[in-house]
PDB file of N, CA and C in Angstrom:
ATOM      1  N   MET A   1      25.202 -11.526 -10.793  1.00  0.00           N
ATOM      2  CA  MET A   1      25.553 -10.081 -10.043  1.00  0.00           C
ATOM      3  C   MET A   1      24.487  -9.960  -8.499  1.00  0.00           C
ATOM      4  N   ASN A   2      25.109  -9.403  -7.515  1.00  0.00           N
ATOM      5  CA  ASN A   2      24.436  -9.302  -6.504  1.00  0.00           C
ATOM      6  C   ASN A   2      23.478  -8.141  -6.718  1.00  0.00           C
ATOM      7  N   LYS A   3      21.916  -8.355  -5.378  1.00  0.00           N
ATOM      8  CA  LYS A   3      21.551  -6.659  -5.484  1.00  0.00           C
ATOM      9  C   LYS A   3      21.513  -6.750  -4.366  1.00  0.00           C
ATOM     10  N   ILE A   4      22.093  -5.497  -3.744  1.00  0.00           N
ATOM     11  CA  ILE A   4      21.462  -4.609  -2.318  1.00  0.00           C
ATOM     12  C   ILE A   4      20.944  -3.780  -2.235  1.00  0.00           C
ATOM     13  N   GLU A   5      19.990  -3.538  -1.114  1.00  0.00           N
ATOM     14  CA  GLU A   5      19.253  -2.335  -0.919  1.00  0.00           C
ATOM     15  C   GLU A   5      19.138  -2.149   0.094  1.00  0.00           C
ATOM     16  N   LEU A   6      19.708  -0.896   0.506  1.00  0.00           N
ATOM     17  CA  LEU A   6      19.601  -0.166   1.764  1.00  0.00           C
ATOM     18  C   LEU A   6      18.436   0.688   2.049  1.00  0.00           C
ATOM     19  N   THR A   7      17.829   0.822   3.089  1.00  0.00           N
ATOM     20  CA  THR A   7      16.461   1.483   2.870  1.00  0.00           C
ATOM     21  C   THR A   7      16.703   2.248   4.340  1.00  0.00           C
ATOM     22  N   TYR A   8      16.049   3.335   4.677  1.00  0.00           N
ATOM     23  CA  TYR A   8      15.558   4.139   5.986  1.00  0.00           C
ATOM     24  C   TYR A   8      14.539   5.060   5.429  1.00  0.00           C
ATOM     25  N   LYS A   9      13.088   4.929   6.212  1.00  0.00           N
ATOM     26  CA  LYS A   9      11.842   5.319   5.553  1.00  0.00           C
ATOM     27  C   LYS A   9      11.046   5.045   6.887  1.00  0.00           C
ATOM     28  N   ARG A  10      10.256   6.513   6.560  1.00  0.00           N
ATOM     29  CA  ARG A  10       9.492   6.756   8.062  1.00  0.00           C
ATOM     30  C   ARG A  10       8.010   5.628   7.721  1.00  0.00           C
ATOM     31  N   ASN A  11       7.829   5.186   8.867  1.00  0.00           N
ATOM     32  CA  ASN A  11       6.667   4.436   9.012  1.00  0.00           C
ATOM     33  C   ASN A  11       5.445   4.718   9.417  1.00  0.00           C
ATOM     34  N   SER A  12       4.409   4.000   9.310  1.00  0.00           N
ATOM     35  CA  SER A  12       2.971   4.668   9.646  1.00  0.00           C
ATOM     36  C   SER A  12       3.326   4.996  11.429  1.00  0.00           C
ATOM     37  N   THR A  13       3.870   4.703  12.228  1.00  0.00           N
ATOM     38  CA  THR A  13       3.947   5.043  13.042  1.00  0.00           C
ATOM     39  C   THR A  13       5.030   6.289  13.725  1.00  0.00           C
ATOM     40  N   ASN A  14       5.694   7.091  12.581  1.00  0.00           N
ATOM     41  CA  ASN A  14       6.400   8.189  12.789  1.00  0.00           C
ATOM     42  C   ASN A  14       7.974   7.435  13.107  1.00  0.00           C
ATOM     43  N   LYS A  15       8.078   6.682  13.100  1.00  0.00           N
ATOM     44  CA  LYS A  15       9.685   5.482  13.125  1.00  0.00           C
ATOM     45  C   LYS A  15      10.305   5.835  11.842  1.00  0.00           C
ATOM     46  N   PHE A  16      11.320   5.360  12.080  1.00  0.00           N
ATOM     47  CA  PHE A  16      11.873   5.148  10.855  1.00  0.00           C
ATOM     48  C   PHE A  16      12.646   3.705  10.822  1.00  0.00           C
ATOM     49  N   ASP A  17      12.490   2.902   9.730  1.00  0.00           N
ATOM     50  CA  ASP A  17      12.152   1.500   9.204  1.00  0.00           C
ATOM     51  C   ASP A  17      14.054   1.599   8.827  1.00  0.00           C
ATOM     52  N   PHE A  18      15.040   1.126   9.239  1.00  0.00           N
ATOM     53  CA  PHE A  18      16.098   0.977   8.206  1.00  0.00           C
ATOM     54  C   PHE A  18      16.510  -0.725   8.061  1.00  0.00           C
ATOM     55  N   LYS A  19      16.537  -0.657   6.715  1.00  0.00           N
ATOM     56  CA  LYS A  19      16.686  -2.316   6.376  1.00  0.00           C
ATOM     57  C   LYS A  19      17.727  -2.783   5.467  1.00  0.00           C
ATOM     58  N   ALA A  20      18.464  -3.739   5.395  1.00  0.00           N
ATOM     59  CA  ALA A  20      19.713  -4.176   4.389  1.00  0.00           C
ATOM     60  C   ALA A  20      18.545  -5.554   3.848  1.00  0.00           C
ATOM     61  N   ILE A  21      18.519  -5.376   2.521  1.00  0.00           N
ATOM     62  CA  ILE A  21      18.138  -6.482   1.531  1.00  0.00           C
ATOM     63  C   ILE A  21      18.818  -6.726   0.951  1.00  0.00           C
ATOM     64  N   GLN A  22      19.384  -8.110   0.797  1.00  0.00           N
ATOM     65  CA  GLN A  22      20.444  -8.385  -0.219  1.00  0.00           C
ATOM     66  C   GLN A  22      19.649  -9.655  -0.723  1.00  0.00           C
ATOM     67  N   ASN A  23      19.926  -9.658  -2.359  1.00  0.00           N
ATOM     68  CA  ASN A  23      19.182 -10.562  -3.270  1.00  0.00           C
ATOM     69  C   ASN A  23      17.767 -10.997  -2.624  1.00  0.00           C
ATOM     70  N   GLY A  24      16.994  -9.817  -2.378  1.00  0.00           N
ATOM     71  CA  GLY A  24      15.647 -10.120  -1.750  1.00  0.00           C
ATOM     72  C   GLY A  24      15.147 -10.656  -0.753  1.00  0.00           C
ATOM     73  N   ASN A  25      16.676 -10.797   0.287  1.00  0.00           N
ATOM     74  CA  ASN A  25      16.405 -11.480   1.609  1.00  0.00           C
ATOM     75  C   ASN A  25      16.775 -10.635   2.521  1.00  0.00           C
ATOM     76  N   LEU A  26      16.188  -9.837   3.752  1.00  0.00           N
ATOM     77  CA  LEU A  26      16.368  -9.422   4.602  1.00  0.00           C
ATOM     78  C   LEU A  26      17.467  -9.626   5.767  1.00  0.00           C
ATOM     79  N   ILE A  27      18.641  -9.026   5.612  1.00  0.00           N
ATOM     80  CA  ILE A  27      19.899  -9.493   6.395  1.00  0.00           C
ATOM     81  C   ILE A  27      19.733  -8.816   7.597  1.00  0.00           C
ATOM     82  N   TYR A  28      19.193  -7.442   7.563  1.00  0.00           N
ATOM     83  CA  TYR A  28      19.178  -6.739   9.037  1.00  0.00           C
ATOM     84  C   TYR A  28      17.988  -5.802   8.852  1.00  0.00           C
ATOM     85  N   GLY A  29      16.953  -5.776  10.002  1.00  0.00           N
ATOM     86  CA  GLY A  29      16.390  -4.673   9.797  1.00  0.00           C
ATOM     87  C   GLY A  29      16.224  -3.863  11.365  1.00  0.00           C
ATOM     88  N   LYS A  30      15.850  -2.699  11.645  1.00  0.00           N
ATOM     89  CA  LYS A  30      15.659  -2.441  12.731  1.00  0.00           C
ATOM     90  C   LYS A  30      14.720  -1.295  12.671  1.00  0.00           C
ATOM     91  N   THR A  31      14.138  -0.440  13.604  1.00  0.00           N
ATOM     92  CA  THR A  31      13.037   0.360  13.725  1.00  0.00           C
ATOM     93  C   THR A  31      13.765   1.639  14.628  1.00  0.00           C
ATOM     94  N   TYR A  32      13.906   2.743  14.173  1.00  0.00           N
ATOM     95  CA  TYR A  32      14.719   3.465  15.025  1.00  0.00           C
ATOM     96  C   TYR A  32      13.606   4.747  15.426  1.00  0.00           C
ATOM     97  N   SER A  33      13.749   5.606  16.619  1.00  0.00           N
ATOM     98  CA  SER A  33      12.954   6.596  16.437  1.00  0.00           C
ATOM     99  C   SER A  33      13.674   7.526  17.067  1.00  0.00           C
ATOM    100  N   PRO A  34      14.136   8.768  15.997  1.00  0.00           N
ATOM    101  CA  PRO A  34      14.859   9.518  16.920  1.00  0.00           C
ATOM    102  C   PRO A  34      14.348  10.306  17.665  1.00  0.00           C
ATOM    103  N   LYS A  35      14.907  10.666  18.901  1.00  0.00           N
ATOM    104  CA  LYS A  35      14.485  11.123  20.003  1.00  0.00           C
ATOM    105  C   LYS A  35      15.071  12.732  20.092  1.00  0.00           C
ATOM    106  N   GLU A  36      16.185  13.265  19.449  1.00  0.00           N
ATOM    107  CA  GLU A  36      16.266  14.601  19.788  1.00  0.00           C
ATOM    108  C   GLU A  36      15.536  15.685  18.644  1.00  0.00           C
ATOM    109  N   ASP A  37      15.636  15.538  17.370  1.00  0.00           N
ATOM    110  CA  ASP A  37      15.316  16.545  16.804  1.00  0.00           C
ATOM    111  C   ASP A  37      15.466  15.685  15.443  1.00  0.00           C
ATOM    112  N   GLU A  38      15.077  16.567  14.067  1.00  0.00           N
ATOM    113  CA  GLU A  38      15.146  16.406  12.736  1.00  0.00           C
ATOM    114  C   GLU A  38      16.496  15.990  12.420  1.00  0.00           C
ATOM    115  N   ASN A  39      17.376  16.541  12.612  1.00  0.00           N
ATOM    116  CA  ASN A  39      18.568  16.076  12.670  1.00  0.00           C
ATOM    117  C   ASN A  39      19.273  14.700  12.529  1.00  0.00           C
ATOM    118  N   GLN A  40      18.493  14.223  13.783  1.00  0.00           N
ATOM    119  CA  GLN A  40      19.235  12.585  13.664  1.00  0.00           C
ATOM    120  C   GLN A  40      18.295  11.756  12.493  1.00  0.00           C
ATOM    121  N   VAL A  41      16.986  11.959  11.907  1.00  0.00           N
ATOM    122  CA  VAL A  41      16.840  11.669  10.935  1.00  0.00           C
ATOM    123  C   VAL A  41      17.486  11.815   9.576  1.00  0.00           C
ATOM    124  N   ILE A  42      18.111  13.010   9.680  1.00  0.00           N
ATOM    125  CA  ILE A  42      18.892  13.777   8.250  1.00  0.00           C
ATOM    126  C   ILE A  42      20.107  12.877   8.455  1.00  0.00           C
ATOM    127  N   MET A  43      20.525  12.297   9.340  1.00  0.00           N
ATOM    128  CA  MET A  43      22.091  11.602   9.364  1.00  0.00           C
ATOM    129  C   MET A  43      21.857  10.513   9.221  1.00  0.00           C
ATOM    130  N   GLY A  44      20.646   9.784   9.900  1.00  0.00           N
ATOM    131  CA  GLY A  44      20.100   8.166   9.179  1.00  0.00           C
ATOM    132  C   GLY A  44      20.031   8.347   7.923  1.00  0.00           C
ATOM    133  N   GLU A  45      19.478   9.182   7.293  1.00  0.00           N
ATOM    134  CA  GLU A  45      19.162   9.366   6.295  1.00  0.00           C
ATOM    135  C   GLU A  45      20.395   9.500   4.864  1.00  0.00           C
ATOM    136  N   ILE A  46      21.461  10.129   5.173  1.00  0.00           N
ATOM    137  CA  ILE A  46      22.664  10.343   4.777  1.00  0.00           C
ATOM    138  C   ILE A  46      23.713   9.141   4.994  1.00  0.00           C
ATOM    139  N   LEU A  47      23.641   8.943   6.298  1.00  0.00           N
ATOM    140  CA  LEU A  47      24.532   7.230   6.213  1.00  0.00           C
ATOM    141  C   LEU A  47      23.841   6.215   5.400  1.00  0.00           C
ATOM    142  N   VAL A  48      22.694   5.941   5.769  1.00  0.00           N
ATOM    143  CA  VAL A  48      22.014   4.959   4.572  1.00  0.00           C
ATOM    144  C   VAL A  48      22.482   5.491   2.828  1.00  0.00           C
ATOM    145  N   GLN A  49      22.266   6.582   2.594  1.00  0.00           N
ATOM    146  CA  GLN A  49      22.446   6.999   1.206  1.00  0.00           C
ATOM    147  C   GLN A  49      24.231   6.390   0.705  1.00  0.00           C
ATOM    148  N   THR A  50      24.924   6.780   1.741  1.00  0.00           N
ATOM    149  CA  THR A  50      26.515   6.533   1.468  1.00  0.00           C
ATOM    150  C   THR A  50      26.703   5.322   1.307  1.00  0.00           C
ATOM    151  N   ALA A  51      25.925   4.505   2.196  1.00  0.00           N
ATOM    152  CA  ALA A  51      26.038   3.069   2.368  1.00  0.00           C
ATOM    153  C   ALA A  51      25.690   2.314   1.360  1.00  0.00           C
ATOM    154  N   GLN A  52      24.717   2.930   0.774  1.00  0.00           N
ATOM    155  CA  GLN A  52      24.169   2.328  -0.670  1.00  0.00           C
ATOM    156  C   GLN A  52      25.106   3.011  -1.661  1.00  0.00           C
ATOM    157  N   GLU A  53      26.136   3.870  -1.465  1.00  0.00           N
ATOM    158  CA  GLU A  53      26.713   4.349  -2.932  1.00  0.00           C
ATOM    159  C   GLU A  53      27.855   3.445  -2.639  1.00  0.00           C
ATOM    160  N   TRP A  54      28.609   3.041  -1.475  1.00  0.00           N
ATOM    161  CA  TRP A  54      29.536   2.043  -1.428  1.00  0.00           C
ATOM    162  C   TRP A  54      29.341   0.356  -1.672  1.00  0.00           C
ATOM    163  N   ALA A  55      28.124   0.173  -1.146  1.00  0.00           N
ATOM    164  CA  ALA A  55      27.566  -1.052  -1.878  1.00  0.00           C
ATOM    165  C   ALA A  55      27.438  -1.067  -3.402  1.00  0.00           C
ATOM    166  N   ASP A  56      26.887   0.028  -4.113  1.00  0.00           N
ATOM    167  CA  ASP A  56      26.780  -0.175  -5.288  1.00  0.00           C
ATOM    168  C   ASP A  56      28.213  -0.156  -5.947  1.00  0.00           C
ATOM    169  N   LYS A  57      29.200   0.262  -5.694  1.00  0.00           N
ATOM    170  CA  LYS A  57      30.435   0.940  -6.011  1.00  0.00           C
ATOM    171  C   LYS A  57      31.539  -0.530  -5.915  1.00  0.00           C
ATOM    172  N   GLU A  58      30.738  -1.390  -4.285  1.00  0.00           N
ATOM    173  CA  GLU A  58      31.529  -2.528  -4.274  1.00  0.00           C
ATOM    174  C   GLU A  58      31.001  -3.482  -5.412  1.00  0.00           C
ATOM    175  N   ILE A  59      29.848  -3.543  -5.592  1.00  0.00           N
ATOM    176  CA  ILE A  59      29.142  -4.555  -6.860  1.00  0.00           C
ATOM    177  C   ILE A  59      29.634  -4.223  -7.897  1.00  0.00           C
ATOM    178  N   GLU A  60      30.066  -2.918  -8.329  1.00  0.00           N
ATOM    179  CA  GLU A  60      30.596  -2.729  -9.668  1.00  0.00           C
ATOM    180  C   GLU A  60      31.785  -3.086  -9.987  1.00  0.00           C
ATOM    181  N   ARG A  61      32.430  -2.973  -9.261  1.00  0.00           N
ATOM    182  CA  ARG A  61      33.859  -3.618  -8.912  1.00  0.00           C
ATOM    183  C   ARG A  61      33.907  -5.073  -8.811  1.00  0.00           C
ATOM    184  N   ASN A  62      33.002  -5.417  -8.039  1.00  0.00           N
ATOM    185  CA  ASN A  62      33.329  -6.970  -8.158  1.00  0.00           C
ATOM    186  C   ASN A  62      31.741  -7.749  -8.068  1.00  0.00           C
ATOM    187  N   PRO A  63      31.167  -7.878  -9.050  1.00  0.00           N
ATOM    188  CA  PRO A  63      29.608  -8.476  -8.979  1.00  0.00           C
ATOM    189  C   PRO A  63      29.196  -9.256  -8.286  1.00  0.00           C
ATOM    190  N   GLU A  64      30.276 -10.077  -7.892  1.00  0.00           N
ATOM    191  CA  GLU A  64      30.018 -11.172  -6.681  1.00  0.00           C
ATOM    192  C   GLU A  64      29.898 -10.867  -5.280  1.00  0.00           C
ATOM    193  N   PHE A  65      30.170  -9.658  -4.812  1.00  0.00           N
ATOM    194  CA  PHE A  65      30.166  -8.796  -3.590  1.00  0.00           C
ATOM    195  C   PHE A  65      28.990  -9.137  -2.967  1.00  0.00           C
ATOM    196  N   LYS A  66      29.241  -9.731  -1.841  1.00  0.00           N
ATOM    197  CA  LYS A  66      28.112  -9.764  -0.697  1.00  0.00           C
ATOM    198  C   LYS A  66      28.337 -10.093   0.609  1.00  0.00           C
ATOM    199  N   TRP A  67      27.550  -9.806   1.567  1.00  0.00           N
ATOM    200  CA  TRP A  67      27.827 -10.151   2.852  1.00  0.00           C
ATOM    201  C   TRP A  67      27.055 -11.747   3.454  1.00  0.00           C
ATOM    202  N   HIS A  68      28.134 -12.469   3.834  1.00  0.00           N
ATOM    203  CA  HIS A  68      27.780 -14.373   4.045  1.00  0.00           C
ATOM    204  C   HIS A  68      27.377 -14.155   5.357  1.00  0.00           C
ATOM    205  N   SER A  69      27.483 -13.237   6.155  1.00  0.00           N
ATOM    206  CA  SER A  69      26.512 -13.326   7.358  1.00  0.00           C
ATOM    207  C   SER A  69      26.488 -11.851   7.855  1.00  0.00           C
ATOM    208  N   PHE A  70      25.546 -11.560   9.054  1.00  0.00           N
ATOM    209  CA  PHE A  70      25.283 -10.628   9.533  1.00  0.00           C
ATOM    210  C   PHE A  70      26.586  -9.839   9.975  1.00  0.00           C
ATOM    211  N   GLU A  71      27.445 -10.674  10.797  1.00  0.00           N
ATOM    212  CA  GLU A  71      28.676 -10.065  11.411  1.00  0.00           C
ATOM    213  C   GLU A  71      29.351  -9.400  10.127  1.00  0.00           C
ATOM    214  N   GLU A  72      29.480  -9.873   9.004  1.00  0.00           N
ATOM    215  CA  GLU A  72      30.023  -9.041   7.743  1.00  0.00           C
ATOM    216  C   GLU A  72      29.585  -8.140   7.704  1.00  0.00           C
ATOM    217  N   PHE A  73      28.180  -8.106   7.066  1.00  0.00           N
ATOM    218  CA  PHE A  73      27.314  -6.955   7.128  1.00  0.00           C
ATOM    219  C   PHE A  73      27.689  -5.357   8.419  1.00  0.00           C
ATOM    220  N   LYS A  74      27.415  -6.280   9.477  1.00  0.00           N
ATOM    221  CA  LYS A  74      27.778  -5.132  11.222  1.00  0.00           C
ATOM    222  C   LYS A  74      29.257  -4.953  10.819  1.00  0.00           C
ATOM    223  N   GLU A  75      30.168  -5.514  10.260  1.00  0.00           N
ATOM    224  CA  GLU A  75      31.638  -4.834  10.309  1.00  0.00           C
ATOM    225  C   GLU A  75      31.566  -3.913   9.419  1.00  0.00           C
ATOM    226  N   TRP A  76      30.814  -4.543   7.928  1.00  0.00           N
ATOM    227  CA  TRP A  76      30.870  -3.540   6.639  1.00  0.00           C
ATOM    228  C   TRP A  76      30.406  -2.088   7.178  1.00  0.00           C
ATOM    229  N   ILE A  77      29.212  -2.129   7.576  1.00  0.00           N
ATOM    230  CA  ILE A  77      28.470  -1.029   7.825  1.00  0.00           C
ATOM    231  C   ILE A  77      29.117   0.283   9.149  1.00  0.00           C
ATOM    232  N   GLY A  78      29.770  -0.504   9.973  1.00  0.00           N
ATOM    233  CA  GLY A  78      30.182   0.060  10.679  1.00  0.00           C
ATOM    234  C   GLY A  78      32.070   0.464  10.536  1.00  0.00           C
ATOM    235  N   ASN A  79      32.157   0.071   9.392  1.00  0.00           N
ATOM    236  CA  ASN A  79      33.467   0.874   8.721  1.00  0.00           C
ATOM    237  C   ASN A  79      33.633   2.294   9.157  1.00  0.00           C
ATOM    238  N   ALA A  80      34.991   2.726   9.713  1.00  0.00           N
ATOM    239  CA  ALA A  80      35.119   3.722   9.841  1.00  0.00           C
ATOM    240  C   ALA A  80      35.054   5.391   8.623  1.00  0.00           C
ATOM    241  N   GLN A  81      35.805   4.662   7.630  1.00  0.00           N
ATOM    242  CA  GLN A  81      36.000   5.682   6.744  1.00  0.00           C
ATOM    243  C   GLN A  81      34.591   5.816   5.997  1.00  0.00           C
ATOM    244  N   LEU A  82      33.402   4.866   5.499  1.00  0.00           N
ATOM    245  CA  LEU A  82      32.186   4.902   5.443  1.00  0.00           C
ATOM    246  C   LEU A  82      31.365   6.063   6.491  1.00  0.00           C
ATOM    247  N   ARG A  83      31.642   5.985   7.793  1.00  0.00           N
ATOM    248  CA  ARG A  83      30.968   6.808   8.481  1.00  0.00           C
ATOM    249  C   ARG A  83      31.278   7.945   8.678  1.00  0.00           C
ATOM    250  N   LYS A  84      32.548   8.409   8.319  1.00  0.00           N
ATOM    251  CA  LYS A  84      33.632   9.615   8.197  1.00  0.00           C
ATOM    252  C   LYS A  84      33.107  10.463   7.098  1.00  0.00           C
ATOM    253  N   GLU A  85      32.806   9.427   5.765  1.00  0.00           N
ATOM    254  CA  GLU A  85      32.147  10.213   4.875  1.00  0.00           C
ATOM    255  C   GLU A  85      30.618  10.811   4.744  1.00  0.00           C
ATOM    256  N   ALA A  86      29.719   9.731   5.645  1.00  0.00           N
ATOM    257  CA  ALA A  86      28.529  10.134   5.610  1.00  0.00           C
ATOM    258  C   ALA A  86      29.081  11.765   6.814  1.00  0.00           C
ATOM    259  N   SER A  87      29.310  11.448   7.975  1.00  0.00           N
ATOM    260  CA  SER A  87      29.738  12.877   8.407  1.00  0.00           C
ATOM    261  C   SER A  87      29.835  14.322   7.722  1.00  0.00           C
ATOM    262  N   LYS A  88      30.971  13.836   6.885  1.00  0.00           N
ATOM    263  CA  LYS A  88      31.261  14.860   6.393  1.00  0.00           C
ATOM    264  C   LYS A  88      30.434  15.093   5.247  1.00  0.00           C
ATOM    265  N   ARG A  89      29.445  14.624   4.793  1.00  0.00           N
ATOM    266  CA  ARG A  89      28.486  15.176   3.835  1.00  0.00           C
ATOM    267  C   ARG A  89      27.273  15.856   5.034  1.00  0.00           C
ATOM    268  N   TYR A  90      26.888  15.185   6.228  1.00  0.00           N
ATOM    269  CA  TYR A  90      25.788  15.569   7.045  1.00  0.00           C
ATOM    270  C   TYR A  90      26.351  16.747   7.448  1.00  0.00           C
ATOM    271  N   ASP A  91      27.618  17.199   7.620  1.00  0.00           N
ATOM    272  CA  ASP A  91      28.511  18.846   7.840  1.00  0.00           C
ATOM    273  C   ASP A  91      28.308  19.475   7.143  1.00  0.00           C
ATOM    274  N   ASP A  92      28.605  18.876   5.785  1.00  0.00           N
ATOM    275  CA  ASP A  92      28.554  20.074   4.686  1.00  0.00           C
ATOM    276  C   ASP A  92      26.903  20.249   4.523  1.00  0.00           C
ATOM    277  N   LEU A  93      25.817  19.696   4.548  1.00  0.00           N
ATOM    278  CA  LEU A  93      24.239  20.020   4.671  1.00  0.00           C
ATOM    279  C   LEU A  93      23.937  20.878   5.593  1.00  0.00           C
ATOM    280  N   MET A  94      24.504  20.669   6.859  1.00  0.00           N
ATOM    281  CA  MET A  94      23.900  21.622   7.772  1.00  0.00           C
ATOM    282  C   MET A  94      24.685  22.748   8.168  1.00  0.00           C
ATOM    283  N   PHE A  95      25.819  22.616   7.995  1.00  0.00           N
ATOM    284  CA  PHE A  95      26.746  24.184   7.674  1.00  0.00           C
ATOM    285  C   PHE A  95      27.117  24.645   7.100  1.00  0.00           C
ATOM    286  N   LYS A  96      26.599  24.473   5.688  1.00  0.00           N
ATOM    287  CA  LYS A  96      27.289  25.131   4.583  1.00  0.00           C
ATOM    288  C   LYS A  96      26.958  26.653   4.622  1.00  0.00           C
ATOM    289  N   GLU A  97      27.897  27.191   4.363  1.00  0.00           N
ATOM    290  CA  GLU A  97      27.966  29.189   4.542  1.00  0.00           C
ATOM    291  C   GLU A  97      26.763  29.419   3.634  1.00  0.00           C
TER     292      GLU A  97
END
């Protein structure tokens, strides 16, 4: 079974490190500097949480699921449905009555 870990964590310089780790290997990493306000941080956290849940479900359905290249990962993380779900979660959190 493959292991996928997606993280978005504040680092010592008050920026955020996004990492995609597959079977112990870093397949993508980038440091983000939210510019506007805390809402960008929350959206990043929700996107990564949603993506981790999707990856977990993929592995549950197919234990051999993995990305064979950075391009495959990039296409997967950019999936419109995944982003739509993350946006809905963000809206539900930020604009609940």
